[in-house]
């Protein structure tokens, strides 16, 4: 299950940015670090240790669509 945090106004300032956060090389954020709204995005079966790029791309697309909707 993928998710993202948002302030509800369409701003795109993710607490977890996949490109810079991949592999969890940095400390993981605490729940208090996230915006007030967490949205569930996409679900998929994870069949390997790494998430397939196709699923990451689809999750990003859904996030972009949701944030665009919030701006209107």
PDB file of N, CA and C in Angstrom:
ATOM      1  N   UNK A   1       0.846  -1.160   0.000  1.00  0.00           N
ATOM      2  CA  UNK A   1       0.000   0.000   0.000  1.00  0.00           C
ATOM      3  C   UNK A   1       0.897   1.230   0.000  1.00  0.00           C
ATOM      4  N   UNK A   2       0.639   2.118  -0.918  1.00  0.00           N
ATOM      5  CA  UNK A   2       1.394   3.365  -0.947  1.00  0.00           C
ATOM      6  C   UNK A   2       0.554   4.459  -0.305  1.00  0.00           C
ATOM      7  N   UNK A   3       1.227   5.479   0.203  1.00  0.00           N
ATOM      8  CA  UNK A   3       0.528   6.602   0.825  1.00  0.00           C
ATOM      9  C   UNK A   3       1.362   7.857   0.637  1.00  0.00           C
ATOM     10  N   UNK A   4       0.740   9.000   0.874  1.00  0.00           N
ATOM     11  CA  UNK A   4       1.467  10.256   0.876  1.00  0.00           C
ATOM     12  C   UNK A   4       0.794  11.193   1.858  1.00  0.00           C
ATOM     13  N   UNK A   5       1.566  12.165   2.327  1.00  0.00           N
ATOM     14  CA  UNK A   5       1.000  13.153   3.236  1.00  0.00           C
ATOM     15  C   UNK A   5       0.750  14.444   2.471  1.00  0.00           C
ATOM     16  N   UNK A   6      -0.243  15.184   2.912  1.00  0.00           N
ATOM     17  CA  UNK A   6      -0.621  16.430   2.240  1.00  0.00           C
ATOM     18  C   UNK A   6      -1.251  17.377   3.250  1.00  0.00           C
ATOM     19  N   UNK A   7      -1.193  18.652   2.940  1.00  0.00           N
ATOM     20  CA  UNK A   7      -1.860  19.629   3.802  1.00  0.00           C
ATOM     21  C   UNK A   7      -3.301  19.862   3.358  1.00  0.00           C
ATOM     22  N   UNK A   8      -3.707  19.212   2.266  1.00  0.00           N
ATOM     23  CA  UNK A   8      -5.079  19.322   1.771  1.00  0.00           C
ATOM     24  C   UNK A   8      -5.313  20.465   0.801  1.00  0.00           C
ATOM     25  N   UNK A   9      -4.275  21.270   0.533  1.00  0.00           N
ATOM     26  CA  UNK A   9      -4.448  22.415  -0.369  1.00  0.00           C
ATOM     27  C   UNK A   9      -3.805  22.190  -1.733  1.00  0.00           C
ATOM     28  N   UNK A  10      -3.234  21.007  -1.940  1.00  0.00           N
ATOM     29  CA  UNK A  10      -2.599  20.716  -3.219  1.00  0.00           C
ATOM     30  C   UNK A  10      -1.103  20.945  -3.230  1.00  0.00           C
ATOM     31  N   UNK A  11      -0.541  21.344  -2.086  1.00  0.00           N
ATOM     32  CA  UNK A  11       0.905  21.549  -2.005  1.00  0.00           C
ATOM     33  C   UNK A  11       1.604  20.199  -2.130  1.00  0.00           C
ATOM     34  N   UNK A  12       2.763  20.200  -2.758  1.00  0.00           N
ATOM     35  CA  UNK A  12       3.503  18.961  -2.956  1.00  0.00           C
ATOM     36  C   UNK A  12       4.867  19.068  -2.286  1.00  0.00           C
ATOM     37  N   UNK A  13       4.895  18.790  -1.000  1.00  0.00           N
ATOM     38  CA  UNK A  13       6.132  18.802  -0.227  1.00  0.00           C
ATOM     39  C   UNK A  13       6.175  17.515   0.597  1.00  0.00           C
ATOM     40  N   UNK A  14       6.446  16.376  -0.071  1.00  0.00           N
ATOM     41  CA  UNK A  14       6.353  15.093   0.615  1.00  0.00           C
ATOM     42  C   UNK A  14       7.374  14.940   1.736  1.00  0.00           C
ATOM     43  N   UNK A  15       6.927  14.366   2.834  1.00  0.00           N
ATOM     44  CA  UNK A  15       7.839  14.067   3.937  1.00  0.00           C
ATOM     45  C   UNK A  15       8.819  12.988   3.521  1.00  0.00           C
ATOM     46  N   UNK A  16       8.332  12.014   2.765  1.00  0.00           N
ATOM     47  CA  UNK A  16       9.199  10.962   2.232  1.00  0.00           C
ATOM     48  C   UNK A  16       9.251  11.128   0.714  1.00  0.00           C
ATOM     49  N   UNK A  17      10.421  11.477   0.209  1.00  0.00           N
ATOM     50  CA  UNK A  17      10.626  11.616  -1.219  1.00  0.00           C
ATOM     51  C   UNK A  17      11.358  10.364  -1.701  1.00  0.00           C
ATOM     52  N   UNK A  18      10.757   9.605  -2.576  1.00  0.00           N
ATOM     53  CA  UNK A  18      11.301   8.305  -2.974  1.00  0.00           C
ATOM     54  C   UNK A  18      12.733   8.400  -3.502  1.00  0.00           C
ATOM     55  N   UNK A  19      13.002   9.396  -4.356  1.00  0.00           N
ATOM     56  CA  UNK A  19      14.320   9.470  -4.990  1.00  0.00           C
ATOM     57  C   UNK A  19      15.454   9.681  -3.982  1.00  0.00           C
ATOM     58  N   UNK A  20      15.225  10.509  -2.975  1.00  0.00           N
ATOM     59  CA  UNK A  20      16.295  10.775  -2.012  1.00  0.00           C
ATOM     60  C   UNK A  20      16.214   9.865  -0.797  1.00  0.00           C
ATOM     61  N   UNK A  21      15.132   9.106  -0.677  1.00  0.00           N
ATOM     62  CA  UNK A  21      14.897   8.301   0.517  1.00  0.00           C
ATOM     63  C   UNK A  21      15.026   6.801   0.249  1.00  0.00           C
ATOM     64  N   UNK A  22      15.209   6.431  -0.997  1.00  0.00           N
ATOM     65  CA  UNK A  22      15.258   5.011  -1.367  1.00  0.00           C
ATOM     66  C   UNK A  22      16.319   4.283  -0.551  1.00  0.00           C
ATOM     67  N   UNK A  23      15.947   3.133  -0.053  1.00  0.00           N
ATOM     68  CA  UNK A  23      16.871   2.335   0.728  1.00  0.00           C
ATOM     69  C   UNK A  23      16.912   2.700   2.201  1.00  0.00           C
ATOM     70  N   UNK A  24      16.133   3.683   2.595  1.00  0.00           N
ATOM     71  CA  UNK A  24      16.065   4.111   3.987  1.00  0.00           C
ATOM     72  C   UNK A  24      17.445   4.386   4.568  1.00  0.00           C
ATOM     73  N   UNK A  25      18.253   5.133   3.829  1.00  0.00           N
ATOM     74  CA  UNK A  25      19.580   5.489   4.314  1.00  0.00           C
ATOM     75  C   UNK A  25      19.514   6.588   5.366  1.00  0.00           C
ATOM     76  N   UNK A  26      18.429   7.322   5.367  1.00  0.00           N
ATOM     77  CA  UNK A  26      18.248   8.378   6.363  1.00  0.00           C
ATOM     78  C   UNK A  26      17.321   7.857   7.460  1.00  0.00           C
ATOM     79  N   UNK A  27      17.300   8.519   8.608  1.00  0.00           N
ATOM     80  CA  UNK A  27      16.360   8.095   9.656  1.00  0.00           C
ATOM     81  C   UNK A  27      14.924   8.203   9.156  1.00  0.00           C
ATOM     82  N   UNK A  28      14.114   7.245   9.520  1.00  0.00           N
ATOM     83  CA  UNK A  28      12.707   7.259   9.120  1.00  0.00           C
ATOM     84  C   UNK A  28      11.956   8.343   9.880  1.00  0.00           C
ATOM     85  N   UNK A  29      10.997   8.994   9.232  1.00  0.00           N
ATOM     86  CA  UNK A  29      10.247  10.047   9.927  1.00  0.00           C
ATOM     87  C   UNK A  29       9.295   9.453  10.965  1.00  0.00           C
ATOM     88  N   UNK A  30       9.010  10.210  11.977  1.00  0.00           N
ATOM     89  CA  UNK A  30       8.023   9.842  12.987  1.00  0.00           C
ATOM     90  C   UNK A  30       6.662  10.314  12.529  1.00  0.00           C
ATOM     91  N   UNK A  31       5.579   9.742  13.046  1.00  0.00           N
ATOM     92  CA  UNK A  31       4.235  10.187  12.635  1.00  0.00           C
ATOM     93  C   UNK A  31       4.027  11.691  12.790  1.00  0.00           C
ATOM     94  N   UNK A  32       4.619  12.309  13.801  1.00  0.00           N
ATOM     95  CA  UNK A  32       4.445  13.753  13.995  1.00  0.00           C
ATOM     96  C   UNK A  32       5.107  14.578  12.894  1.00  0.00           C
ATOM     97  N   UNK A  33       6.007  13.975  12.104  1.00  0.00           N
ATOM     98  CA  UNK A  33       6.689  14.687  11.029  1.00  0.00           C
ATOM     99  C   UNK A  33       5.810  14.859   9.795  1.00  0.00           C
ATOM    100  N   UNK A  34       4.763  14.052   9.674  1.00  0.00           N
ATOM    101  CA  UNK A  34       3.896  14.102   8.501  1.00  0.00           C
ATOM    102  C   UNK A  34       2.887  15.245   8.602  1.00  0.00           C
ATOM    103  N   UNK A  35       2.357  15.651   7.449  1.00  0.00           N
ATOM    104  CA  UNK A  35       1.251  16.602   7.426  1.00  0.00           C
ATOM    105  C   UNK A  35       0.043  15.975   8.125  1.00  0.00           C
ATOM    106  N   UNK A  36      -0.984  16.774   8.352  1.00  0.00           N
ATOM    107  CA  UNK A  36      -2.168  16.292   9.069  1.00  0.00           C
ATOM    108  C   UNK A  36      -2.959  15.252   8.292  1.00  0.00           C
ATOM    109  N   UNK A  37      -2.860  15.266   6.960  1.00  0.00           N
ATOM    110  CA  UNK A  37      -3.658  14.356   6.131  1.00  0.00           C
ATOM    111  C   UNK A  37      -2.735  13.319   5.494  1.00  0.00           C
ATOM    112  N   UNK A  38      -3.045  12.051   5.720  1.00  0.00           N
ATOM    113  CA  UNK A  38      -2.359  10.952   5.038  1.00  0.00           C
ATOM    114  C   UNK A  38      -3.359  10.318   4.089  1.00  0.00           C
ATOM    115  N   UNK A  39      -2.983  10.164   2.844  1.00  0.00           N
ATOM    116  CA  UNK A  39      -3.868   9.550   1.850  1.00  0.00           C
ATOM    117  C   UNK A  39      -3.303   8.219   1.401  1.00  0.00           C
ATOM    118  N   UNK A  40      -4.155   7.213   1.409  1.00  0.00           N
ATOM    119  CA  UNK A  40      -3.774   5.938   0.816  1.00  0.00           C
ATOM    120  C   UNK A  40      -3.841   6.108  -0.686  1.00  0.00           C
ATOM    121  N   UNK A  41      -2.880   5.575  -1.383  1.00  0.00           N
ATOM    122  CA  UNK A  41      -2.778   5.824  -2.815  1.00  0.00           C
ATOM    123  C   UNK A  41      -3.067   4.567  -3.628  1.00  0.00           C
ATOM    124  N   UNK A  42      -2.118   3.664  -3.715  1.00  0.00           N
ATOM    125  CA  UNK A  42      -2.292   2.471  -4.540  1.00  0.00           C
ATOM    126  C   UNK A  42      -1.912   1.233  -3.741  1.00  0.00           C
ATOM    127  N   UNK A  43      -2.433   0.110  -4.155  1.00  0.00           N
ATOM    128  CA  UNK A  43      -2.090  -1.157  -3.530  1.00  0.00           C
ATOM    129  C   UNK A  43      -1.608  -2.135  -4.593  1.00  0.00           C
ATOM    130  N   UNK A  44      -0.701  -2.999  -4.216  1.00  0.00           N
ATOM    131  CA  UNK A  44      -0.176  -3.984  -5.153  1.00  0.00           C
ATOM    132  C   UNK A  44       0.461  -5.115  -4.355  1.00  0.00           C
ATOM    133  N   UNK A  45       0.640  -6.237  -5.001  1.00  0.00           N
ATOM    134  CA  UNK A  45       1.328  -7.358  -4.363  1.00  0.00           C
ATOM    135  C   UNK A  45       2.829  -7.189  -4.564  1.00  0.00           C
ATOM    136  N   UNK A  46       3.550  -7.211  -3.471  1.00  0.00           N
ATOM    137  CA  UNK A  46       4.999  -7.080  -3.537  1.00  0.00           C
ATOM    138  C   UNK A  46       5.594  -8.484  -3.595  1.00  0.00           C
ATOM    139  N   UNK A  47       6.154  -8.833  -4.731  1.00  0.00           N
ATOM    140  CA  UNK A  47       6.659 -10.189  -4.946  1.00  0.00           C
ATOM    141  C   UNK A  47       8.186 -10.283  -4.814  1.00  0.00           C
ATOM    142  N   UNK A  48       8.831  -9.161  -4.585  1.00  0.00           N
ATOM    143  CA  UNK A  48      10.288  -9.139  -4.431  1.00  0.00           C
ATOM    144  C   UNK A  48      10.639  -8.118  -3.354  1.00  0.00           C
ATOM    145  N   UNK A  49      11.915  -8.008  -3.040  1.00  0.00           N
ATOM    146  CA  UNK A  49      12.333  -7.084  -1.990  1.00  0.00           C
ATOM    147  C   UNK A  49      12.110  -5.632  -2.399  1.00  0.00           C
ATOM    148  N   UNK A  50      12.303  -5.328  -3.671  1.00  0.00           N
ATOM    149  CA  UNK A  50      12.127  -3.954  -4.147  1.00  0.00           C
ATOM    150  C   UNK A  50      10.787  -3.797  -4.850  1.00  0.00           C
ATOM    151  N   UNK A  51      10.224  -2.620  -4.713  1.00  0.00           N
ATOM    152  CA  UNK A  51       8.965  -2.308  -5.390  1.00  0.00           C
ATOM    153  C   UNK A  51       9.227  -2.139  -6.878  1.00  0.00           C
ATOM    154  N   UNK A  52       8.409  -2.752  -7.732  1.00  0.00           N
ATOM    155  CA  UNK A  52       8.607  -2.611  -9.173  1.00  0.00           C
ATOM    156  C   UNK A  52       8.462  -1.140  -9.620  1.00  0.00           C
ATOM    157  N   UNK A  53       9.327  -0.672 -10.511  1.00  0.00           N
ATOM    158  CA  UNK A  53       9.252   0.710 -10.994  1.00  0.00           C
ATOM    159  C   UNK A  53       7.864   1.079 -11.535  1.00  0.00           C
ATOM    160  N   UNK A  54       7.187   0.139 -12.162  1.00  0.00           N
ATOM    161  CA  UNK A  54       5.846   0.398 -12.695  1.00  0.00           C
ATOM    162  C   UNK A  54       4.895   0.819 -11.573  1.00  0.00           C
ATOM    163  N   UNK A  55       4.999   0.172 -10.428  1.00  0.00           N
ATOM    164  CA  UNK A  55       4.121   0.492  -9.293  1.00  0.00           C
ATOM    165  C   UNK A  55       4.475   1.845  -8.687  1.00  0.00           C
ATOM    166  N   UNK A  56       5.750   2.166  -8.643  1.00  0.00           N
ATOM    167  CA  UNK A  56       6.182   3.472  -8.142  1.00  0.00           C
ATOM    168  C   UNK A  56       5.651   4.568  -9.057  1.00  0.00           C
ATOM    169  N   UNK A  57       5.762   4.364 -10.358  1.00  0.00           N
ATOM    170  CA  UNK A  57       5.249   5.341 -11.321  1.00  0.00           C
ATOM    171  C   UNK A  57       3.757   5.538 -11.201  1.00  0.00           C
ATOM    172  N   UNK A  58       3.019   4.456 -11.020  1.00  0.00           N
ATOM    173  CA  UNK A  58       1.565   4.559 -10.884  1.00  0.00           C
ATOM    174  C   UNK A  58       1.200   5.303  -9.600  1.00  0.00           C
ATOM    175  N   UNK A  59       1.904   5.030  -8.498  1.00  0.00           N
ATOM    176  CA  UNK A  59       1.647   5.732  -7.236  1.00  0.00           C
ATOM    177  C   UNK A  59       1.911   7.228  -7.388  1.00  0.00           C
ATOM    178  N   UNK A  60       2.970   7.591  -8.098  1.00  0.00           N
ATOM    179  CA  UNK A  60       3.261   9.017  -8.336  1.00  0.00           C
ATOM    180  C   UNK A  60       2.155   9.674  -9.167  1.00  0.00           C
ATOM    181  N   UNK A  61       1.664   8.962 -10.167  1.00  0.00           N
ATOM    182  CA  UNK A  61       0.588   9.482 -11.001  1.00  0.00           C
ATOM    183  C   UNK A  61      -0.671   9.738 -10.169  1.00  0.00           C
ATOM    184  N   UNK A  62      -1.026   8.797  -9.321  1.00  0.00           N
ATOM    185  CA  UNK A  62      -2.211   8.957  -8.465  1.00  0.00           C
ATOM    186  C   UNK A  62      -2.022  10.148  -7.530  1.00  0.00           C
ATOM    187  N   UNK A  63      -0.824  10.293  -6.950  1.00  0.00           N
ATOM    188  CA  UNK A  63      -0.549  11.437  -6.066  1.00  0.00           C
ATOM    189  C   UNK A  63      -0.717  12.748  -6.822  1.00  0.00           C
ATOM    190  N   UNK A  64      -0.162  12.830  -8.022  1.00  0.00           N
ATOM    191  CA  UNK A  64      -0.284  14.064  -8.815  1.00  0.00           C
ATOM    192  C   UNK A  64      -1.742  14.402  -9.106  1.00  0.00           C
ATOM    193  N   UNK A  65      -2.532  13.391  -9.456  1.00  0.00           N
ATOM    194  CA  UNK A  65      -3.950  13.610  -9.743  1.00  0.00           C
ATOM    195  C   UNK A  65      -4.695  14.085  -8.492  1.00  0.00           C
ATOM    196  N   UNK A  66      -4.421  13.472  -7.358  1.00  0.00           N
ATOM    197  CA  UNK A  66      -5.079  13.881  -6.109  1.00  0.00           C
ATOM    198  C   UNK A  66      -4.714  15.308  -5.735  1.00  0.00           C
ATOM    199  N   UNK A  67      -3.444  15.656  -5.854  1.00  0.00           N
ATOM    200  CA  UNK A  67      -3.019  17.007  -5.505  1.00  0.00           C
ATOM    201  C   UNK A  67      -3.613  18.038  -6.453  1.00  0.00           C
ATOM    202  N   UNK A  68      -3.710  17.700  -7.743  1.00  0.00           N
ATOM    203  CA  UNK A  68      -4.358  18.602  -8.693  1.00  0.00           C
ATOM    204  C   UNK A  68      -5.819  18.838  -8.313  1.00  0.00           C
ATOM    205  N   UNK A  69      -6.493  17.777  -7.886  1.00  0.00           N
ATOM    206  CA  UNK A  69      -7.881  17.886  -7.462  1.00  0.00           C
ATOM    207  C   UNK A  69      -8.009  18.807  -6.248  1.00  0.00           C
ATOM    208  N   UNK A  70      -7.076  18.721  -5.315  1.00  0.00           N
ATOM    209  CA  UNK A  70      -7.114  19.573  -4.117  1.00  0.00           C
ATOM    210  C   UNK A  70      -6.990  21.052  -4.451  1.00  0.00           C
ATOM    211  N   UNK A  71      -6.295  21.379  -5.533  1.00  0.00           N
ATOM    212  CA  UNK A  71      -6.079  22.796  -5.899  1.00  0.00           C
ATOM    213  C   UNK A  71      -7.338  23.425  -6.461  1.00  0.00           C
ATOM    214  N   UNK A  72      -8.325  22.614  -6.832  1.00  0.00           N
ATOM    215  CA  UNK A  72      -9.528  23.164  -7.456  1.00  0.00           C
ATOM    216  C   UNK A  72     -10.675  23.181  -6.498  1.00  0.00           C
TER     217      UNK A  72
END
